[in-house]
């Protein structure tokens, strides 16, 4: 089951990233903040509808964590959109994804004491080398 979820996430995140580039390119950059506002507003509405359907009461800590994540995603979205308008997507997306991969791996190791195997370390090194090669002109 987890493989189906990962593949769906892979596909949907790719589509989402592509829409970021499309929004930046088609608007000439002037509608960036509007796009980000609607993007996150729709996510909030979807989460509220899901909570209502599942009859889930949102706790204070869930609300606080959601607000923190929403804020960081909003600011990150603004930075991403500005970067997309300045560099080619073929450079931005691998660098952004690779940066996320490294950040999540380090945070998982620090916060949840997850072990990183030698094969995973080799994969991370290969990812960094790949990002450097993709970013070079």
C-alpha atoms as a PDB file:
ATOM      1  CA  UNK A   1       0.000   0.000   0.000  1.00  0.00           C
ATOM      2  CA  UNK A   2       2.795   2.418   0.847  1.00  0.00           C
ATOM      3  CA  UNK A   3       4.242   2.101  -2.655  1.00  0.00           C
ATOM      4  CA  UNK A   4       0.937   3.225  -4.211  1.00  0.00           C
ATOM      5  CA  UNK A   5       0.858   6.230  -1.877  1.00  0.00           C
ATOM      6  CA  UNK A   6       4.444   7.159  -2.681  1.00  0.00           C
ATOM      7  CA  UNK A   7       3.799   6.857  -6.430  1.00  0.00           C
ATOM      8  CA  UNK A   8       0.626   8.956  -6.143  1.00  0.00           C
ATOM      9  CA  UNK A   9       2.544  11.556  -4.136  1.00  0.00           C
ATOM     10  CA  UNK A  10       5.350  11.539  -6.702  1.00  0.00           C
ATOM     11  CA  UNK A  11       2.912  12.111  -9.567  1.00  0.00           C
ATOM     12  CA  UNK A  12       0.731  14.702  -7.814  1.00  0.00           C
ATOM     13  CA  UNK A  13       3.696  16.676  -6.453  1.00  0.00           C
ATOM     14  CA  UNK A  14       5.184  16.739  -9.946  1.00  0.00           C
ATOM     15  CA  UNK A  15       1.928  18.088 -11.347  1.00  0.00           C
ATOM     16  CA  UNK A  16       1.767  20.634  -8.525  1.00  0.00           C
ATOM     17  CA  UNK A  17       5.330  21.798  -9.185  1.00  0.00           C
ATOM     18  CA  UNK A  18       4.544  22.127 -12.879  1.00  0.00           C
ATOM     19  CA  UNK A  19       1.578  24.382 -12.109  1.00  0.00           C
ATOM     20  CA  UNK A  20       3.881  26.621 -10.073  1.00  0.00           C
ATOM     21  CA  UNK A  21       6.073  27.090 -13.139  1.00  0.00           C
ATOM     22  CA  UNK A  22       3.028  27.595 -15.389  1.00  0.00           C
ATOM     23  CA  UNK A  23       1.577  30.222 -13.039  1.00  0.00           C
ATOM     24  CA  UNK A  24       4.841  32.125 -12.892  1.00  0.00           C
ATOM     25  CA  UNK A  25       5.427  32.006 -16.641  1.00  0.00           C
ATOM     26  CA  UNK A  26       1.871  32.832 -17.749  1.00  0.00           C
ATOM     27  CA  UNK A  27       1.324  35.675 -15.301  1.00  0.00           C
ATOM     28  CA  UNK A  28       4.634  37.356 -15.955  1.00  0.00           C
ATOM     29  CA  UNK A  29       5.217  37.235 -12.218  1.00  0.00           C
ATOM     30  CA  UNK A  30       2.549  39.765 -11.264  1.00  0.00           C
ATOM     31  CA  UNK A  31       0.060  37.189  -9.945  1.00  0.00           C
ATOM     32  CA  UNK A  32       2.527  35.188  -7.846  1.00  0.00           C
ATOM     33  CA  UNK A  33       1.083  36.168  -4.478  1.00  0.00           C
ATOM     34  CA  UNK A  34      -2.483  35.609  -5.701  1.00  0.00           C
ATOM     35  CA  UNK A  35      -1.584  32.113  -6.916  1.00  0.00           C
ATOM     36  CA  UNK A  36       0.080  31.259  -3.601  1.00  0.00           C
ATOM     37  CA  UNK A  37      -2.894  32.648  -1.669  1.00  0.00           C
ATOM     38  CA  UNK A  38      -5.394  30.507  -3.600  1.00  0.00           C
ATOM     39  CA  UNK A  39      -3.104  27.474  -3.448  1.00  0.00           C
ATOM     40  CA  UNK A  40      -2.969  27.570   0.350  1.00  0.00           C
ATOM     41  CA  UNK A  41      -6.582  28.659   0.806  1.00  0.00           C
ATOM     42  CA  UNK A  42      -7.740  25.641  -1.198  1.00  0.00           C
ATOM     43  CA  UNK A  43      -5.512  23.386   0.933  1.00  0.00           C
ATOM     44  CA  UNK A  44      -7.047  24.847   4.104  1.00  0.00           C
ATOM     45  CA  UNK A  45     -10.599  24.400   2.808  1.00  0.00           C
ATOM     46  CA  UNK A  46      -9.802  20.811   1.779  1.00  0.00           C
ATOM     47  CA  UNK A  47      -8.421  20.048   5.248  1.00  0.00           C
ATOM     48  CA  UNK A  48     -11.500  21.524   6.956  1.00  0.00           C
ATOM     49  CA  UNK A  49     -13.824  19.506   4.704  1.00  0.00           C
ATOM     50  CA  UNK A  50     -11.809  16.338   5.404  1.00  0.00           C
ATOM     51  CA  UNK A  51     -11.999  16.983   9.170  1.00  0.00           C
ATOM     52  CA  UNK A  52     -15.769  17.483   8.946  1.00  0.00           C
ATOM     53  CA  UNK A  53     -16.297  14.342   6.860  1.00  0.00           C
ATOM     54  CA  UNK A  54     -14.138  12.265   9.216  1.00  0.00           C
ATOM     55  CA  UNK A  55     -15.834  13.897  12.239  1.00  0.00           C
ATOM     56  CA  UNK A  56     -12.412  14.788  13.581  1.00  0.00           C
ATOM     57  CA  UNK A  57     -12.046  17.476  16.195  1.00  0.00           C
ATOM     58  CA  UNK A  58      -8.878  19.498  15.658  1.00  0.00           C
ATOM     59  CA  UNK A  59      -6.799  19.776  18.818  1.00  0.00           C
ATOM     60  CA  UNK A  60      -4.863  22.863  19.825  1.00  0.00           C
ATOM     61  CA  UNK A  61      -1.490  21.242  19.019  1.00  0.00           C
ATOM     62  CA  UNK A  62      -2.758  20.133  15.586  1.00  0.00           C
ATOM     63  CA  UNK A  63      -3.922  23.668  14.899  1.00  0.00           C
ATOM     64  CA  UNK A  64      -0.598  25.126  16.039  1.00  0.00           C
ATOM     65  CA  UNK A  65       1.450  22.668  13.967  1.00  0.00           C
ATOM     66  CA  UNK A  66      -0.820  23.294  10.981  1.00  0.00           C
ATOM     67  CA  UNK A  67      -0.346  27.050  11.343  1.00  0.00           C
ATOM     68  CA  UNK A  68       3.439  26.669  11.527  1.00  0.00           C
ATOM     69  CA  UNK A  69       3.496  24.381   8.489  1.00  0.00           C
ATOM     70  CA  UNK A  70       1.140  26.695   6.607  1.00  0.00           C
ATOM     71  CA  UNK A  71       3.344  29.696   7.354  1.00  0.00           C
ATOM     72  CA  UNK A  72       6.545  27.936   6.300  1.00  0.00           C
ATOM     73  CA  UNK A  73       4.892  26.610   3.138  1.00  0.00           C
ATOM     74  CA  UNK A  74       3.570  30.073   2.316  1.00  0.00           C
ATOM     75  CA  UNK A  75       6.938  31.770   2.730  1.00  0.00           C
ATOM     76  CA  UNK A  76       8.657  28.877   0.962  1.00  0.00           C
ATOM     77  CA  UNK A  77       6.115  29.166  -1.850  1.00  0.00           C
ATOM     78  CA  UNK A  78       6.865  32.847  -2.324  1.00  0.00           C
ATOM     79  CA  UNK A  79      10.605  32.131  -2.414  1.00  0.00           C
ATOM     80  CA  UNK A  80      10.078  29.221  -4.811  1.00  0.00           C
ATOM     81  CA  UNK A  81       7.921  31.244  -7.169  1.00  0.00           C
ATOM     82  CA  UNK A  82      10.450  34.081  -7.259  1.00  0.00           C
ATOM     83  CA  UNK A  83      13.246  31.567  -7.951  1.00  0.00           C
ATOM     84  CA  UNK A  84      11.223  29.861 -10.700  1.00  0.00           C
ATOM     85  CA  UNK A  85      10.885  33.205 -12.461  1.00  0.00           C
ATOM     86  CA  UNK A  86      14.654  33.764 -12.362  1.00  0.00           C
ATOM     87  CA  UNK A  87      16.097  30.333 -13.237  1.00  0.00           C
ATOM     88  CA  UNK A  88      15.033  27.526 -15.557  1.00  0.00           C
ATOM     89  CA  UNK A  89      12.689  24.900 -14.134  1.00  0.00           C
ATOM     90  CA  UNK A  90      15.139  22.165 -15.122  1.00  0.00           C
ATOM     91  CA  UNK A  91      17.556  23.647 -12.577  1.00  0.00           C
ATOM     92  CA  UNK A  92      15.103  24.830  -9.903  1.00  0.00           C
ATOM     93  CA  UNK A  93      13.100  21.631  -9.389  1.00  0.00           C
ATOM     94  CA  UNK A  94      16.024  19.212  -8.932  1.00  0.00           C
ATOM     95  CA  UNK A  95      17.807  21.635  -6.611  1.00  0.00           C
ATOM     96  CA  UNK A  96      14.634  22.264  -4.616  1.00  0.00           C
ATOM     97  CA  UNK A  97      13.746  18.583  -4.406  1.00  0.00           C
ATOM     98  CA  UNK A  98      17.303  17.601  -3.529  1.00  0.00           C
ATOM     99  CA  UNK A  99      17.437  20.259  -0.842  1.00  0.00           C
ATOM    100  CA  UNK A 100      14.203  18.928   0.604  1.00  0.00           C
ATOM    101  CA  UNK A 101      15.563  15.378   0.510  1.00  0.00           C
ATOM    102  CA  UNK A 102      18.674  16.362   2.432  1.00  0.00           C
ATOM    103  CA  UNK A 103      16.784  18.511   4.939  1.00  0.00           C
ATOM    104  CA  UNK A 104      14.199  15.814   5.679  1.00  0.00           C
ATOM    105  CA  UNK A 105      16.891  13.146   6.058  1.00  0.00           C
ATOM    106  CA  UNK A 106      18.956  15.236   8.471  1.00  0.00           C
ATOM    107  CA  UNK A 107      15.864  16.296  10.457  1.00  0.00           C
ATOM    108  CA  UNK A 108      14.615  12.689  10.681  1.00  0.00           C
ATOM    109  CA  UNK A 109      18.011  11.630  11.979  1.00  0.00           C
ATOM    110  CA  UNK A 110      18.151  14.437  14.546  1.00  0.00           C
ATOM    111  CA  UNK A 111      14.513  14.567  15.699  1.00  0.00           C
ATOM    112  CA  UNK A 112      13.423  10.929  15.474  1.00  0.00           C
ATOM    113  CA  UNK A 113      16.821   9.247  15.775  1.00  0.00           C
ATOM    114  CA  UNK A 114      16.269   7.407  12.494  1.00  0.00           C
ATOM    115  CA  UNK A 115      19.342   5.507  11.399  1.00  0.00           C
ATOM    116  CA  UNK A 116      20.921   6.324   8.051  1.00  0.00           C
ATOM    117  CA  UNK A 117      22.495   3.281   6.423  1.00  0.00           C
ATOM    118  CA  UNK A 118      25.700   3.395   4.398  1.00  0.00           C
ATOM    119  CA  UNK A 119      23.641   2.792   1.228  1.00  0.00           C
ATOM    120  CA  UNK A 120      21.419   5.757   2.092  1.00  0.00           C
ATOM    121  CA  UNK A 121      24.470   7.949   2.707  1.00  0.00           C
ATOM    122  CA  UNK A 122      25.838   6.876  -0.678  1.00  0.00           C
ATOM    123  CA  UNK A 123      22.466   7.738  -2.235  1.00  0.00           C
ATOM    124  CA  UNK A 124      22.490  11.178  -0.613  1.00  0.00           C
ATOM    125  CA  UNK A 125      26.022  11.820  -1.873  1.00  0.00           C
ATOM    126  CA  UNK A 126      24.943  10.726  -5.355  1.00  0.00           C
ATOM    127  CA  UNK A 127      21.934  13.070  -5.106  1.00  0.00           C
ATOM    128  CA  UNK A 128      24.172  16.007  -4.182  1.00  0.00           C
ATOM    129  CA  UNK A 129      26.540  15.242  -7.066  1.00  0.00           C
ATOM    130  CA  UNK A 130      23.525  14.978  -9.403  1.00  0.00           C
ATOM    131  CA  UNK A 131      22.191  18.345  -8.239  1.00  0.00           C
ATOM    132  CA  UNK A 132      25.567  19.984  -8.789  1.00  0.00           C
ATOM    133  CA  UNK A 133      25.826  18.507 -12.298  1.00  0.00           C
ATOM    134  CA  UNK A 134      22.251  19.516 -13.219  1.00  0.00           C
ATOM    135  CA  UNK A 135      22.844  23.049 -11.949  1.00  0.00           C
ATOM    136  CA  UNK A 136      25.994  23.601 -13.965  1.00  0.00           C
ATOM    137  CA  UNK A 137      25.740  25.211 -17.387  1.00  0.00           C
END
